[in-house]
Structure formats: structure tokens, C-alpha cells
PDB file of N, CA and C in Angstrom:
ATOM      1  N   MET A   1       5.872  39.480   1.831  1.00  0.00           N
ATOM      2  CA  MET A   1       6.845  38.443   2.164  1.00  0.00           C
ATOM      3  C   MET A   1       7.169  37.610   0.989  1.00  0.00           C
ATOM      4  N   GLN A   2       8.467  37.345   0.704  1.00  0.00           N
ATOM      5  CA  GLN A   2       8.887  36.493  -0.316  1.00  0.00           C
ATOM      6  C   GLN A   2       9.048  35.073   0.036  1.00  0.00           C
ATOM      7  N   ARG A   3       8.547  34.253  -0.692  1.00  0.00           N
ATOM      8  CA  ARG A   3       8.730  32.773  -0.579  1.00  0.00           C
ATOM      9  C   ARG A   3       9.932  32.351  -1.312  1.00  0.00           C
ATOM     10  N   LYS A   4      10.567  31.564  -0.410  1.00  0.00           N
ATOM     11  CA  LYS A   4      12.034  30.888  -1.086  1.00  0.00           C
ATOM     12  C   LYS A   4      11.555  29.914  -2.364  1.00  0.00           C
ATOM     13  N   ALA A   5      12.245  30.143  -3.482  1.00  0.00           N
ATOM     14  CA  ALA A   5      11.967  29.428  -4.817  1.00  0.00           C
ATOM     15  C   ALA A   5      12.434  27.893  -4.348  1.00  0.00           C
ATOM     16  N   VAL A   6      11.522  26.948  -4.704  1.00  0.00           N
ATOM     17  CA  VAL A   6      11.890  25.590  -4.514  1.00  0.00           C
ATOM     18  C   VAL A   6      12.706  24.903  -5.567  1.00  0.00           C
ATOM     19  N   ASN A   7      13.858  24.418  -5.242  1.00  0.00           N
ATOM     20  CA  ASN A   7      14.691  23.808  -6.052  1.00  0.00           C
ATOM     21  C   ASN A   7      14.421  22.322  -6.107  1.00  0.00           C
ATOM     22  N   TYR A   8      13.532  21.683  -7.069  1.00  0.00           N
ATOM     23  CA  TYR A   8      13.269  20.413  -7.039  1.00  0.00           C
ATOM     24  C   TYR A   8      14.291  19.531  -7.481  1.00  0.00           C
ATOM     25  N   THR A   9      15.194  20.048  -8.311  1.00  0.00           N
ATOM     26  CA  THR A   9      16.400  19.048  -8.551  1.00  0.00           C
ATOM     27  C   THR A   9      17.181  18.927  -7.323  1.00  0.00           C
ATOM     28  N   ASP A  10      17.358  19.911  -6.588  1.00  0.00           N
ATOM     29  CA  ASP A  10      18.203  19.607  -5.458  1.00  0.00           C
ATOM     30  C   ASP A  10      17.516  18.612  -4.413  1.00  0.00           C
ATOM     31  N   ILE A  11      16.167  18.801  -4.291  1.00  0.00           N
ATOM     32  CA  ILE A  11      15.371  17.892  -3.501  1.00  0.00           C
ATOM     33  C   ILE A  11      15.529  16.498  -3.997  1.00  0.00           C
ATOM     34  N   ALA A  12      15.390  16.317  -5.217  1.00  0.00           N
ATOM     35  CA  ALA A  12      15.442  14.968  -5.759  1.00  0.00           C
ATOM     36  C   ALA A  12      16.774  14.203  -5.691  1.00  0.00           C
ATOM     37  N   LYS A  13      17.788  15.169  -5.664  1.00  0.00           N
ATOM     38  CA  LYS A  13      19.132  14.622  -5.401  1.00  0.00           C
ATOM     39  C   LYS A  13      19.598  14.349  -4.020  1.00  0.00           C
ATOM     40  N   SER A  14      18.962  14.776  -2.987  1.00  0.00           N
ATOM     41  CA  SER A  14      19.191  14.727  -1.585  1.00  0.00           C
ATOM     42  C   SER A  14      18.963  13.357  -1.019  1.00  0.00           C
ATOM     43  N   GLY A  15      19.718  12.914  -0.167  1.00  0.00           N
ATOM     44  CA  GLY A  15      19.811  11.670   0.322  1.00  0.00           C
ATOM     45  C   GLY A  15      18.585  11.369   1.105  1.00  0.00           C
ATOM     46  N   LYS A  16      17.991  12.318   1.882  1.00  0.00           N
ATOM     47  CA  LYS A  16      16.677  12.022   2.694  1.00  0.00           C
ATOM     48  C   LYS A  16      15.621  11.814   1.752  1.00  0.00           C
ATOM     49  N   PHE A  17      15.611  12.501   0.604  1.00  0.00           N
ATOM     50  CA  PHE A  17      14.480  12.290  -0.392  1.00  0.00           C
ATOM     51  C   PHE A  17      14.601  10.780  -0.935  1.00  0.00           C
ATOM     52  N   ARG A  18      15.776  10.455  -1.340  1.00  0.00           N
ATOM     53  CA  ARG A  18      16.147   9.171  -1.811  1.00  0.00           C
ATOM     54  C   ARG A  18      15.732   8.030  -0.888  1.00  0.00           C
ATOM     55  N   GLU A  19      16.051   8.185   0.338  1.00  0.00           N
ATOM     56  CA  GLU A  19      15.562   7.253   1.389  1.00  0.00           C
ATOM     57  C   GLU A  19      14.047   7.227   1.457  1.00  0.00           C
ATOM     58  N   LEU A  20      13.417   8.391   1.407  1.00  0.00           N
ATOM     59  CA  LEU A  20      11.950   8.287   1.270  1.00  0.00           C
ATOM     60  C   LEU A  20      11.557   7.502   0.274  1.00  0.00           C
ATOM     61  N   LEU A  21      12.019   7.861  -0.832  1.00  0.00           N
ATOM     62  CA  LEU A  21      11.487   7.039  -2.103  1.00  0.00           C
ATOM     63  C   LEU A  21      11.774   5.429  -1.921  1.00  0.00           C
ATOM     64  N   ARG A  22      12.868   5.129  -1.387  1.00  0.00           N
ATOM     65  CA  ARG A  22      13.355   3.785  -1.181  1.00  0.00           C
ATOM     66  C   ARG A  22      12.365   3.239  -0.260  1.00  0.00           C
ATOM     67  N   GLN A  23      12.051   3.772   1.042  1.00  0.00           N
ATOM     68  CA  GLN A  23      11.316   3.257   1.888  1.00  0.00           C
ATOM     69  C   GLN A  23       9.824   3.114   1.226  1.00  0.00           C
ATOM     70  N   LYS A  24       9.444   3.974   0.517  1.00  0.00           N
ATOM     71  CA  LYS A  24       7.852   3.907   0.023  1.00  0.00           C
ATOM     72  C   LYS A  24       7.995   2.756  -0.951  1.00  0.00           C
ATOM     73  N   ARG A  25       9.030   2.575  -1.804  1.00  0.00           N
ATOM     74  CA  ARG A  25       9.043   1.476  -2.753  1.00  0.00           C
ATOM     75  C   ARG A  25       9.140   0.181  -2.012  1.00  0.00           C
ATOM     76  N   LYS A  26       9.876  -0.015  -0.991  1.00  0.00           N
ATOM     77  CA  LYS A  26       9.997  -1.142  -0.248  1.00  0.00           C
ATOM     78  C   LYS A  26       8.856  -1.561   0.341  1.00  0.00           C
ATOM     79  N   PHE A  27       7.829  -0.623   0.709  1.00  0.00           N
ATOM     80  CA  PHE A  27       6.526  -0.992   1.315  1.00  0.00           C
ATOM     81  C   PHE A  27       5.468  -1.077   0.192  1.00  0.00           C
ATOM     82  N   LEU A  28       5.338  -0.338  -0.815  1.00  0.00           N
ATOM     83  CA  LEU A  28       4.314  -0.286  -1.613  1.00  0.00           C
ATOM     84  C   LEU A  28       4.412  -1.283  -2.689  1.00  0.00           C
ATOM     85  N   VAL A  29       5.583  -1.680  -3.223  1.00  0.00           N
ATOM     86  CA  VAL A  29       5.574  -2.679  -4.196  1.00  0.00           C
ATOM     87  C   VAL A  29       5.214  -4.229  -3.677  1.00  0.00           C
ATOM     88  N   PRO A  30       5.611  -4.688  -2.560  1.00  0.00           N
ATOM     89  CA  PRO A  30       5.141  -5.933  -2.045  1.00  0.00           C
ATOM     90  C   PRO A  30       3.549  -5.714  -1.612  1.00  0.00           C
ATOM     91  N   MET A  31       3.072  -4.692  -1.069  1.00  0.00           N
ATOM     92  CA  MET A  31       1.792  -4.679  -0.819  1.00  0.00           C
ATOM     93  C   MET A  31       1.006  -4.537  -2.029  1.00  0.00           C
ATOM     94  N   THR A  32       1.344  -3.932  -3.091  1.00  0.00           N
ATOM     95  CA  THR A  32       0.581  -3.872  -4.401  1.00  0.00           C
ATOM     96  C   THR A  32       0.452  -5.335  -4.982  1.00  0.00           C
ATOM     97  N   VAL A  33       1.717  -6.065  -4.882  1.00  0.00           N
ATOM     98  CA  VAL A  33       1.614  -7.403  -5.521  1.00  0.00           C
ATOM     99  C   VAL A  33       0.637  -8.274  -4.888  1.00  0.00           C
ATOM    100  N   PHE A  34       0.727  -8.245  -3.417  1.00  0.00           N
ATOM    101  CA  PHE A  34      -0.140  -9.098  -2.593  1.00  0.00           C
ATOM    102  C   PHE A  34      -1.592  -8.649  -2.950  1.00  0.00           C
ATOM    103  N   PHE A  35      -1.937  -7.232  -2.966  1.00  0.00           N
ATOM    104  CA  PHE A  35      -3.304  -7.001  -3.175  1.00  0.00           C
ATOM    105  C   PHE A  35      -3.731  -7.589  -4.479  1.00  0.00           C
ATOM    106  N   PHE A  36      -2.993  -7.122  -5.673  1.00  0.00           N
ATOM    107  CA  PHE A  36      -3.490  -7.929  -6.811  1.00  0.00           C
ATOM    108  C   PHE A  36      -3.487  -9.446  -6.995  1.00  0.00           C
ATOM    109  N   ALA A  37      -2.734  -9.989  -6.358  1.00  0.00           N
ATOM    110  CA  ALA A  37      -2.740 -11.431  -6.254  1.00  0.00           C
ATOM    111  C   ALA A  37      -3.821 -11.923  -5.624  1.00  0.00           C
ATOM    112  N   PHE A  38      -4.302 -11.239  -4.291  1.00  0.00           N
ATOM    113  CA  PHE A  38      -5.285 -11.831  -3.571  1.00  0.00           C
ATOM    114  C   PHE A  38      -6.524 -11.341  -4.186  1.00  0.00           C
ATOM    115  N   TYR A  39      -6.584 -10.258  -4.856  1.00  0.00           N
ATOM    116  CA  TYR A  39      -7.858  -9.818  -5.562  1.00  0.00           C
ATOM    117  C   TYR A  39      -8.294 -10.630  -6.577  1.00  0.00           C
ATOM    118  N   PHE A  40      -7.212 -10.959  -7.629  1.00  0.00           N
ATOM    119  CA  PHE A  40      -7.466 -11.814  -8.742  1.00  0.00           C
ATOM    120  C   PHE A  40      -7.616 -13.320  -8.602  1.00  0.00           C
ATOM    121  N   LEU A  41      -7.109 -13.696  -7.504  1.00  0.00           N
ATOM    122  CA  LEU A  41      -7.134 -15.092  -7.007  1.00  0.00           C
ATOM    123  C   LEU A  41      -8.701 -15.613  -6.971  1.00  0.00           C
ATOM    124  N   LEU A  42      -9.544 -14.825  -6.382  1.00  0.00           N
ATOM    125  CA  LEU A  42     -10.822 -15.379  -6.492  1.00  0.00           C
ATOM    126  C   LEU A  42     -11.529 -15.703  -7.788  1.00  0.00           C
ATOM    127  N   PRO A  43     -11.529 -14.662  -8.742  1.00  0.00           N
ATOM    128  CA  PRO A  43     -12.165 -14.962 -10.132  1.00  0.00           C
ATOM    129  C   PRO A  43     -11.425 -16.205 -10.823  1.00  0.00           C
ATOM    130  N   ILE A  44     -10.035 -16.050 -10.540  1.00  0.00           N
ATOM    131  CA  ILE A  44      -9.321 -17.234 -11.246  1.00  0.00           C
ATOM    132  C   ILE A  44      -9.693 -18.546 -10.781  1.00  0.00           C
ATOM    133  N   LEU A  45      -9.632 -18.718  -9.463  1.00  0.00           N
ATOM    134  CA  LEU A  45      -9.951 -19.931  -8.882  1.00  0.00           C
ATOM    135  C   LEU A  45     -11.355 -20.416  -9.165  1.00  0.00           C
ATOM    136  N   THR A  46     -12.392 -19.398  -9.106  1.00  0.00           N
ATOM    137  CA  THR A  46     -13.708 -19.856  -9.394  1.00  0.00           C
ATOM    138  C   THR A  46     -14.025 -20.237 -10.822  1.00  0.00           C
ATOM    139  N   SER A  47     -13.208 -19.738 -11.647  1.00  0.00           N
ATOM    140  CA  SER A  47     -13.307 -19.825 -13.062  1.00  0.00           C
ATOM    141  C   SER A  47     -12.813 -21.223 -13.574  1.00  0.00           C
ATOM    142  N   TYR A  48     -11.656 -21.574 -12.758  1.00  0.00           N
ATOM    143  CA  TYR A  48     -10.964 -22.785 -13.292  1.00  0.00           C
ATOM    144  C   TYR A  48     -10.842 -23.887 -12.232  1.00  0.00           C
ATOM    145  N   THR A  49     -11.442 -23.733 -11.241  1.00  0.00           N
ATOM    146  CA  THR A  49     -11.551 -24.895 -10.343  1.00  0.00           C
ATOM    147  C   THR A  49     -12.947 -24.982  -9.456  1.00  0.00           C
ATOM    148  N   THR A  50     -13.113 -25.996  -8.765  1.00  0.00           N
ATOM    149  CA  THR A  50     -14.464 -26.103  -8.079  1.00  0.00           C
ATOM    150  C   THR A  50     -14.186 -26.290  -6.605  1.00  0.00           C
ATOM    151  N   PHE A  51     -13.244 -26.367  -6.032  1.00  0.00           N
ATOM    152  CA  PHE A  51     -12.974 -26.593  -4.710  1.00  0.00           C
ATOM    153  C   PHE A  51     -13.461 -25.303  -3.793  1.00  0.00           C
ATOM    154  N   LEU A  52     -13.576 -24.212  -4.337  1.00  0.00           N
ATOM    155  CA  LEU A  52     -14.227 -23.060  -3.504  1.00  0.00           C
ATOM    156  C   LEU A  52     -15.731 -23.241  -3.429  1.00  0.00           C
ATOM    157  N   ASN A  53     -16.165 -24.117  -4.038  1.00  0.00           N
ATOM    158  CA  ASN A  53     -17.625 -24.259  -4.187  1.00  0.00           C
ATOM    159  C   ASN A  53     -18.109 -25.189  -2.855  1.00  0.00           C
ATOM    160  N   ALA A  54     -17.133 -25.876  -2.137  1.00  0.00           N
ATOM    161  CA  ALA A  54     -17.645 -26.698  -1.203  1.00  0.00           C
ATOM    162  C   ALA A  54     -17.960 -25.779   0.070  1.00  0.00           C
ATOM    163  N   PRO A  55     -18.906 -26.419   0.791  1.00  0.00           N
ATOM    164  CA  PRO A  55     -19.508 -25.724   1.899  1.00  0.00           C
ATOM    165  C   PRO A  55     -18.460 -25.498   2.929  1.00  0.00           C
ATOM    166  N   ALA A  56     -18.391 -24.341   3.684  1.00  0.00           N
ATOM    167  CA  ALA A  56     -17.323 -24.130   4.681  1.00  0.00           C
ATOM    168  C   ALA A  56     -18.070 -24.002   6.036  1.00  0.00           C
ATOM    169  N   LEU A  57     -19.229 -23.106   6.062  1.00  0.00           N
ATOM    170  CA  LEU A  57     -19.864 -22.897   7.235  1.00  0.00           C
ATOM    171  C   LEU A  57     -21.321 -23.117   6.890  1.00  0.00           C
ATOM    172  N   GLY A  58     -21.969 -24.296   7.074  1.00  0.00           N
ATOM    173  CA  GLY A  58     -23.471 -24.521   6.787  1.00  0.00           C
ATOM    174  C   GLY A  58     -23.437 -24.422   5.234  1.00  0.00           C
ATOM    175  N   PRO A  59     -24.503 -23.585   4.684  1.00  0.00           N
ATOM    176  CA  PRO A  59     -24.751 -23.332   3.230  1.00  0.00           C
ATOM    177  C   PRO A  59     -23.745 -22.248   2.609  1.00  0.00           C
ATOM    178  N   VAL A  60     -22.914 -21.624   3.426  1.00  0.00           N
ATOM    179  CA  VAL A  60     -21.811 -20.779   2.952  1.00  0.00           C
ATOM    180  C   VAL A  60     -20.734 -21.500   2.363  1.00  0.00           C
ATOM    181  N   SER A  61     -20.350 -21.212   1.163  1.00  0.00           N
ATOM    182  CA  SER A  61     -19.202 -21.809   0.517  1.00  0.00           C
ATOM    183  C   SER A  61     -17.968 -21.122   0.717  1.00  0.00           C
ATOM    184  N   TRP A  62     -16.654 -21.865   0.438  1.00  0.00           N
ATOM    185  CA  TRP A  62     -15.525 -21.003   0.566  1.00  0.00           C
ATOM    186  C   TRP A  62     -15.351 -19.918  -0.309  1.00  0.00           C
ATOM    187  N   ALA A  63     -16.034 -19.722  -1.472  1.00  0.00           N
ATOM    188  CA  ALA A  63     -15.965 -18.733  -2.373  1.00  0.00           C
ATOM    189  C   ALA A  63     -16.510 -17.328  -1.684  1.00  0.00           C
ATOM    190  N   TRP A  64     -17.475 -17.660  -0.871  1.00  0.00           N
ATOM    191  CA  TRP A  64     -18.251 -16.442  -0.269  1.00  0.00           C
ATOM    192  C   TRP A  64     -17.393 -15.850   0.813  1.00  0.00           C
ATOM    193  N   LEU A  65     -16.780 -16.835   1.612  1.00  0.00           N
ATOM    194  CA  LEU A  65     -15.797 -16.494   2.597  1.00  0.00           C
ATOM    195  C   LEU A  65     -14.493 -15.880   2.116  1.00  0.00           C
ATOM    196  N   PHE A  66     -14.089 -16.333   0.883  1.00  0.00           N
ATOM    197  CA  PHE A  66     -12.788 -15.729   0.266  1.00  0.00           C
ATOM    198  C   PHE A  66     -13.181 -14.097  -0.246  1.00  0.00           C
ATOM    199  N   ALA A  67     -14.503 -14.165  -0.733  1.00  0.00           N
ATOM    200  CA  ALA A  67     -14.948 -12.753  -1.225  1.00  0.00           C
ATOM    201  C   ALA A  67     -15.110 -11.783   0.008  1.00  0.00           C
ATOM    202  N   PHE A  68     -15.590 -12.451   1.145  1.00  0.00           N
ATOM    203  CA  PHE A  68     -15.751 -11.481   2.361  1.00  0.00           C
ATOM    204  C   PHE A  68     -14.278 -11.207   2.902  1.00  0.00           C
ATOM    205  N   ALA A  69     -13.363 -11.954   2.928  1.00  0.00           N
ATOM    206  CA  ALA A  69     -12.123 -11.778   3.351  1.00  0.00           C
ATOM    207  C   ALA A  69     -11.388 -10.714   2.378  1.00  0.00           C
ATOM    208  N   GLN A  70     -11.845 -10.421   1.279  1.00  0.00           N
ATOM    209  CA  GLN A  70     -11.244  -9.308   0.418  1.00  0.00           C
ATOM    210  C   GLN A  70     -11.600  -7.952   0.891  1.00  0.00           C
ATOM    211  N   PHE A  71     -12.818  -7.908   1.686  1.00  0.00           N
ATOM    212  CA  PHE A  71     -13.180  -6.677   2.214  1.00  0.00           C
ATOM    213  C   PHE A  71     -12.302  -6.432   3.494  1.00  0.00           C
ATOM    214  N   ILE A  72     -11.999  -7.551   4.308  1.00  0.00           N
ATOM    215  CA  ILE A  72     -11.240  -7.361   5.393  1.00  0.00           C
ATOM    216  C   ILE A  72      -9.821  -7.012   4.975  1.00  0.00           C
ATOM    217  N   MET A  73      -9.305  -7.752   3.945  1.00  0.00           N
ATOM    218  CA  MET A  73      -8.055  -7.426   3.470  1.00  0.00           C
ATOM    219  C   MET A  73      -7.757  -6.016   3.134  1.00  0.00           C
ATOM    220  N   THR A  74      -8.791  -5.493   2.437  1.00  0.00           N
ATOM    221  CA  THR A  74      -8.742  -4.165   1.998  1.00  0.00           C
ATOM    222  C   THR A  74      -8.631  -3.018   3.034  1.00  0.00           C
ATOM    223  N   TRP A  75      -9.526  -3.271   4.154  1.00  0.00           N
ATOM    224  CA  TRP A  75      -9.378  -2.440   5.392  1.00  0.00           C
ATOM    225  C   TRP A  75      -8.167  -2.772   6.138  1.00  0.00           C
ATOM    226  N   ALA A  76      -7.569  -3.863   6.107  1.00  0.00           N
ATOM    227  CA  ALA A  76      -6.354  -4.055   6.828  1.00  0.00           C
ATOM    228  C   ALA A  76      -5.086  -3.462   5.973  1.00  0.00           C
ATOM    229  N   LEU A  77      -5.022  -3.382   4.725  1.00  0.00           N
ATOM    230  CA  LEU A  77      -4.279  -2.799   4.047  1.00  0.00           C
ATOM    231  C   LEU A  77      -4.281  -1.268   4.219  1.00  0.00           C
ATOM    232  N   CYS A  78      -5.491  -0.627   4.266  1.00  0.00           N
ATOM    233  CA  CYS A  78      -5.711   0.759   4.531  1.00  0.00           C
ATOM    234  C   CYS A  78      -5.064   1.198   5.860  1.00  0.00           C
ATOM    235  N   ILE A  79      -5.381   0.287   6.842  1.00  0.00           N
ATOM    236  CA  ILE A  79      -4.861   0.592   8.264  1.00  0.00           C
ATOM    237  C   ILE A  79      -3.434   0.502   8.160  1.00  0.00           C
ATOM    238  N   VAL A  80      -2.887  -0.544   7.600  1.00  0.00           N
ATOM    239  CA  VAL A  80      -1.408  -0.618   7.656  1.00  0.00           C
ATOM    240  C   VAL A  80      -0.727   0.461   6.891  1.00  0.00           C
ATOM    241  N   TYR A  81      -1.238   0.993   5.828  1.00  0.00           N
ATOM    242  CA  TYR A  81      -0.732   2.102   4.946  1.00  0.00           C
ATOM    243  C   TYR A  81      -0.920   3.346   5.928  1.00  0.00           C
ATOM    244  N   SER A  82      -2.049   3.520   6.417  1.00  0.00           N
ATOM    245  CA  SER A  82      -2.202   4.846   7.286  1.00  0.00           C
ATOM    246  C   SER A  82      -1.136   4.967   8.401  1.00  0.00           C
ATOM    247  N   ARG A  83      -0.772   3.805   9.007  1.00  0.00           N
ATOM    248  CA  ARG A  83       0.282   3.710  10.077  1.00  0.00           C
ATOM    249  C   ARG A  83       1.691   3.992   9.525  1.00  0.00           C
ATOM    250  N   ARG A  84       1.914   3.475   8.290  1.00  0.00           N
ATOM    251  CA  ARG A  84       3.282   3.616   7.703  1.00  0.00           C
ATOM    252  C   ARG A  84       3.337   5.011   7.187  1.00  0.00           C
ATOM    253  N   ALA A  85       2.156   5.793   6.697  1.00  0.00           N
ATOM    254  CA  ALA A  85       2.227   7.008   6.181  1.00  0.00           C
ATOM    255  C   ALA A  85       2.838   7.986   7.175  1.00  0.00           C
ATOM    256  N   VAL A  86       2.484   7.675   8.550  1.00  0.00           N
ATOM    257  CA  VAL A  86       3.057   8.580   9.542  1.00  0.00           C
ATOM    258  C   VAL A  86       4.773   8.788   9.347  1.00  0.00           C
ATOM    259  N   LYS A  87       5.239   7.532   9.118  1.00  0.00           N
ATOM    260  CA  LYS A  87       6.873   7.494   8.916  1.00  0.00           C
ATOM    261  C   LYS A  87       7.198   8.230   7.761  1.00  0.00           C
ATOM    262  N   PHE A  88       6.374   8.171   6.650  1.00  0.00           N
ATOM    263  CA  PHE A  88       6.589   8.814   5.428  1.00  0.00           C
ATOM    264  C   PHE A  88       6.617  10.300   5.481  1.00  0.00           C
ATOM    265  N   ASP A  89       5.486  10.671   6.495  1.00  0.00           N
ATOM    266  CA  ASP A  89       5.334  12.067   6.566  1.00  0.00           C
ATOM    267  C   ASP A  89       6.560  12.775   7.395  1.00  0.00           C
ATOM    268  N   ALA A  90       6.988  11.879   8.417  1.00  0.00           N
ATOM    269  CA  ALA A  90       8.232  12.400   9.220  1.00  0.00           C
ATOM    270  C   ALA A  90       9.471  12.536   8.176  1.00  0.00           C
ATOM    271  N   LEU A  91       9.501  11.567   7.250  1.00  0.00           N
ATOM    272  CA  LEU A  91      10.735  11.772   6.205  1.00  0.00           C
ATOM    273  C   LEU A  91      10.508  12.898   5.566  1.00  0.00           C
ATOM    274  N   ILE A  92       9.357  13.268   5.077  1.00  0.00           N
ATOM    275  CA  ILE A  92       9.042  14.394   4.357  1.00  0.00           C
ATOM    276  C   ILE A  92       9.377  15.852   5.034  1.00  0.00           C
ATOM    277  N   GLN A  93       9.008  15.668   6.192  1.00  0.00           N
ATOM    278  CA  GLN A  93       9.279  16.823   7.115  1.00  0.00           C
ATOM    279  C   GLN A  93      10.937  17.022   7.164  1.00  0.00           C
ATOM    280  N   GLU A  94      11.605  16.019   7.258  1.00  0.00           N
ATOM    281  CA  GLU A  94      13.102  15.995   7.333  1.00  0.00           C
ATOM    282  C   GLU A  94      13.606  16.556   5.964  1.00  0.00           C
ATOM    283  N   VAL A  95      13.045  16.166   4.922  1.00  0.00           N
ATOM    284  CA  VAL A  95      13.558  16.709   3.596  1.00  0.00           C
ATOM    285  C   VAL A  95      13.339  18.201   3.415  1.00  0.00           C
ATOM    286  N   LYS A  96      11.997  18.663   3.971  1.00  0.00           N
ATOM    287  CA  LYS A  96      11.750  20.017   3.786  1.00  0.00           C
ATOM    288  C   LYS A  96      12.626  20.838   4.725  1.00  0.00           C
ATOM    289  N   ARG A  97      13.050  20.306   6.073  1.00  0.00           N
ATOM    290  CA  ARG A  97      13.785  21.016   6.874  1.00  0.00           C
ATOM    291  C   ARG A  97      15.204  20.976   6.257  1.00  0.00           C
ATOM    292  N   GLU A  98      15.767  19.981   5.704  1.00  0.00           N
ATOM    293  CA  GLU A  98      17.105  19.886   4.999  1.00  0.00           C
ATOM    294  C   GLU A  98      17.101  21.074   3.888  1.00  0.00           C
ATOM    295  N   GLN A  99      15.913  21.361   3.298  1.00  0.00           N
ATOM    296  CA  GLN A  99      15.992  22.052   2.042  1.00  0.00           C
ATOM    297  C   GLN A  99      15.641  23.548   2.590  1.00  0.00           C
ATOM    298  N   GLY A 100      15.278  23.892   3.770  1.00  0.00           N
ATOM    299  CA  GLY A 100      15.001  25.117   4.247  1.00  0.00           C
ATOM    300  C   GLY A 100      13.477  25.461   3.873  1.00  0.00           C
ATOM    301  N   LEU A 101      12.774  24.491   3.825  1.00  0.00           N
ATOM    302  CA  LEU A 101      11.382  24.879   3.407  1.00  0.00           C
ATOM    303  C   LEU A 101      10.382  24.769   4.855  1.00  0.00           C
ATOM    304  N   ARG A 102       9.680  25.618   5.077  1.00  0.00           N
ATOM    305  CA  ARG A 102       8.720  25.532   6.301  1.00  0.00           C
ATOM    306  C   ARG A 102       9.262  25.041   7.427  1.00  0.00           C
TER     307      ARG A 102
END
């Protein structure tokens, strides 16, 4: 059984593929900027300010809460991306159908 040769140039020029790239970029760029800003804010704030040293809950400072929030943020971004990836996968299937692949 012969497999159809994949023409990647045609795929890259297709409207569905460009839509996929546009939607991924629209999602990934802001999420990446948010992630890096949130991630680097803790070491920057603790290096150049002291307000995160104030107690938040008993002996636990705001710095510790911020650090813990980074774990929560990472899990939340993973969940959000996993849900969005379902839409990306659907677009990929449309591209493949349009090109006569699988």
C-alpha cells in the first residue's frame, strides 16, 4: 500500500493551517508573557523591595504565598493549555482532511 506524499508547502499555504498558527500564536504569546512576568516578579520583588517580607498569615510572609501561587499558576496554565489543545487538534484534523491525509 502506497502512502500519499505529503506536500508541506501546500499545507503551509493553506488557509486552515494559517488559521491554526494564528490561533496558537494568539493564545501562546500572551500566556508566555504572563508566565515569565509572574515567574520573574518574585525574585525581582524580593531583591529590590521589602514589602513581600511582611506577614500575611501568621508567620507566613507574602513572599511564601507568592512562591506557592507560582505552583498553582503553573498547574492552571497546564489545565488551560490542555483544554485549548483540543481545539488545536480539531484544526489539525481539518488541515489533514483538506490535504487528503488520513
